[in-house]
C-alpha atoms as a PDB file:
ATOM      1  CA  MET A   1      72.383  49.444 -48.404  1.00  0.00           C
ATOM      2  CA  SER A   2      68.632  49.952 -48.430  1.00  0.00           C
ATOM      3  CA  ASN A   3      68.200  51.946 -51.620  1.00  0.00           C
ATOM      4  CA  PRO A   4      71.090  52.419 -54.059  1.00  0.00           C
ATOM      5  CA  THR A   5      68.984  54.641 -56.300  1.00  0.00           C
ATOM      6  CA  THR A   6      68.929  57.610 -53.950  1.00  0.00           C
ATOM      7  CA  GLY A   7      70.919  60.634 -55.005  1.00  0.00           C
ATOM      8  CA  THR A   8      71.652  61.853 -58.498  1.00  0.00           C
ATOM      9  CA  ASP A   9      74.144  59.185 -59.583  1.00  0.00           C
ATOM     10  CA  ARG A  10      73.197  55.799 -60.966  1.00  0.00           C
ATOM     11  CA  PRO A  11      74.394  52.974 -58.756  1.00  0.00           C
ATOM     12  CA  ASP A  12      77.548  51.340 -60.046  1.00  0.00           C
ATOM     13  CA  ALA A  13      77.980  47.610 -60.619  1.00  0.00           C
ATOM     14  CA  GLN A  14      79.374  47.064 -57.122  1.00  0.00           C
ATOM     15  CA  ALA A  15      76.471  48.893 -55.466  1.00  0.00           C
ATOM     16  CA  LEU A  16      73.966  46.851 -57.464  1.00  0.00           C
ATOM     17  CA  GLN A  17      75.742  43.614 -56.575  1.00  0.00           C
ATOM     18  CA  GLU A  18      75.677  44.605 -52.901  1.00  0.00           C
ATOM     19  CA  TRP A  19      71.959  45.350 -53.199  1.00  0.00           C
ATOM     20  CA  VAL A  20      71.331  41.923 -54.757  1.00  0.00           C
ATOM     21  CA  SER A  21      73.352  40.199 -52.013  1.00  0.00           C
ATOM     22  CA  ASP A  22      71.516  42.155 -49.298  1.00  0.00           C
ATOM     23  CA  ALA A  23      68.101  41.459 -50.847  1.00  0.00           C
ATOM     24  CA  CYS A  24      68.918  37.755 -51.073  1.00  0.00           C
ATOM     25  CA  ARG A  25      70.104  37.744 -47.461  1.00  0.00           C
ATOM     26  CA  GLY A  26      66.732  39.215 -46.522  1.00  0.00           C
ATOM     27  CA  LEU A  27      65.141  36.240 -48.268  1.00  0.00           C
ATOM     28  CA  GLY A  28      67.244  33.786 -46.277  1.00  0.00           C
ATOM     29  CA  LEU A  29      69.918  33.155 -48.922  1.00  0.00           C
ATOM     30  CA  ASP A  30      73.615  33.804 -48.406  1.00  0.00           C
ATOM     31  CA  LEU A  31      75.219  35.041 -51.644  1.00  0.00           C
ATOM     32  CA  PRO A  32      78.254  37.115 -50.580  1.00  0.00           C
ATOM     33  CA  ASP A  33      80.246  36.621 -53.796  1.00  0.00           C
ATOM     34  CA  PRO A  34      79.308  38.078 -57.219  1.00  0.00           C
ATOM     35  CA  GLU A  35      79.654  34.600 -58.744  1.00  0.00           C
ATOM     36  CA  ASN A  36      77.248  32.945 -56.288  1.00  0.00           C
ATOM     37  CA  ASP A  37      74.193  31.571 -58.063  1.00  0.00           C
ATOM     38  CA  PHE A  38      70.730  32.383 -56.732  1.00  0.00           C
ATOM     39  CA  PHE A  39      69.280  28.939 -57.435  1.00  0.00           C
ATOM     40  CA  GLU A  40      72.349  26.922 -56.467  1.00  0.00           C
ATOM     41  CA  SER A  41      72.304  28.779 -53.129  1.00  0.00           C
ATOM     42  CA  GLY A  42      68.784  27.595 -52.370  1.00  0.00           C
ATOM     43  CA  GLY A  43      66.624  30.036 -54.326  1.00  0.00           C
ATOM     44  CA  THR A  44      63.227  28.689 -55.372  1.00  0.00           C
ATOM     45  CA  SER A  45      60.499  29.978 -57.641  1.00  0.00           C
ATOM     46  CA  LEU A  46      58.884  31.586 -54.572  1.00  0.00           C
ATOM     47  CA  THR A  47      62.052  33.388 -53.483  1.00  0.00           C
ATOM     48  CA  ALA A  48      62.610  34.397 -57.125  1.00  0.00           C
ATOM     49  CA  ILE A  49      59.209  36.101 -57.172  1.00  0.00           C
ATOM     50  CA  ARG A  50      60.044  37.844 -53.912  1.00  0.00           C
ATOM     51  CA  LEU A  51      63.393  39.067 -55.283  1.00  0.00           C
ATOM     52  CA  ILE A  52      61.709  40.313 -58.457  1.00  0.00           C
ATOM     53  CA  SER A  53      59.131  42.150 -56.345  1.00  0.00           C
ATOM     54  CA  ARG A  54      61.834  43.789 -54.203  1.00  0.00           C
ATOM     55  CA  ALA A  55      63.734  44.861 -57.315  1.00  0.00           C
ATOM     56  CA  GLU A  56      60.574  46.441 -58.725  1.00  0.00           C
ATOM     57  CA  GLU A  57      59.884  48.260 -55.440  1.00  0.00           C
ATOM     58  CA  VAL A  58      63.369  49.792 -55.454  1.00  0.00           C
ATOM     59  CA  PHE A  59      64.209  50.180 -59.145  1.00  0.00           C
ATOM     60  CA  GLY A  60      60.830  50.320 -60.883  1.00  0.00           C
ATOM     61  CA  GLU A  61      58.624  48.090 -62.972  1.00  0.00           C
ATOM     62  CA  ASP A  62      60.355  45.429 -65.072  1.00  0.00           C
ATOM     63  CA  ALA A  63      63.699  46.009 -63.339  1.00  0.00           C
ATOM     64  CA  LEU A  64      64.170  42.253 -63.080  1.00  0.00           C
ATOM     65  CA  PRO A  65      61.936  40.260 -65.438  1.00  0.00           C
ATOM     66  CA  PRO A  66      61.577  36.571 -64.520  1.00  0.00           C
ATOM     67  CA  GLU A  67      63.211  35.440 -67.762  1.00  0.00           C
ATOM     68  CA  ASP A  68      66.340  37.458 -66.890  1.00  0.00           C
ATOM     69  CA  LEU A  69      66.582  35.947 -63.420  1.00  0.00           C
ATOM     70  CA  PHE A  70      66.026  32.382 -64.596  1.00  0.00           C
ATOM     71  CA  ALA A  71      68.502  32.690 -67.495  1.00  0.00           C
ATOM     72  CA  HIS A  72      71.235  34.607 -65.646  1.00  0.00           C
ATOM     73  CA  SER A  73      71.178  33.927 -61.936  1.00  0.00           C
ATOM     74  CA  THR A  74      74.542  34.846 -60.413  1.00  0.00           C
ATOM     75  CA  VAL A  75      74.683  37.958 -58.256  1.00  0.00           C
ATOM     76  CA  ARG A  76      76.759  39.686 -60.956  1.00  0.00           C
ATOM     77  CA  GLU A  77      74.286  38.743 -63.705  1.00  0.00           C
ATOM     78  CA  ILE A  78      71.239  39.774 -61.675  1.00  0.00           C
ATOM     79  CA  ALA A  79      72.831  43.155 -60.964  1.00  0.00           C
ATOM     80  CA  ALA A  80      73.701  43.573 -64.658  1.00  0.00           C
ATOM     81  CA  ALA A  81      70.104  42.753 -65.631  1.00  0.00           C
ATOM     82  CA  ILE A  82      68.753  45.376 -63.215  1.00  0.00           C
ATOM     83  CA  ASP A  83      71.218  47.912 -64.606  1.00  0.00           C
ATOM     84  CA  ARG A  84      70.313  47.082 -68.196  1.00  0.00           C
ATOM     85  CA  ASN A  85      66.565  47.167 -67.558  1.00  0.00           C
ATOM     86  CA  THR A  86      66.539  50.452 -65.656  1.00  0.00           C
ATOM     87  CA  ARG A  87      68.561  52.659 -67.966  1.00  0.00           C
ATOM     88  CA  SER A  88      66.605  55.750 -68.924  1.00  0.00           C
END
């Protein structure tokens, strides 16, 4: 899934989780399960910045603030943060 925000519907939790997993895979991290943790799976501060940047490119500014990623870093929690931060 390259852009879950296309179309008129908001992406659901599953679509956001798939986006997070795909984005992480693109950064060299394998997080196939919603309970996989970004940092425990090898994420670093550099890959965190890259994930934040990708989230902003797709979902808009402040979609994934650093404090959200560092405090809640499972795939499920990252997706929930993006959802929470992009509600209009």
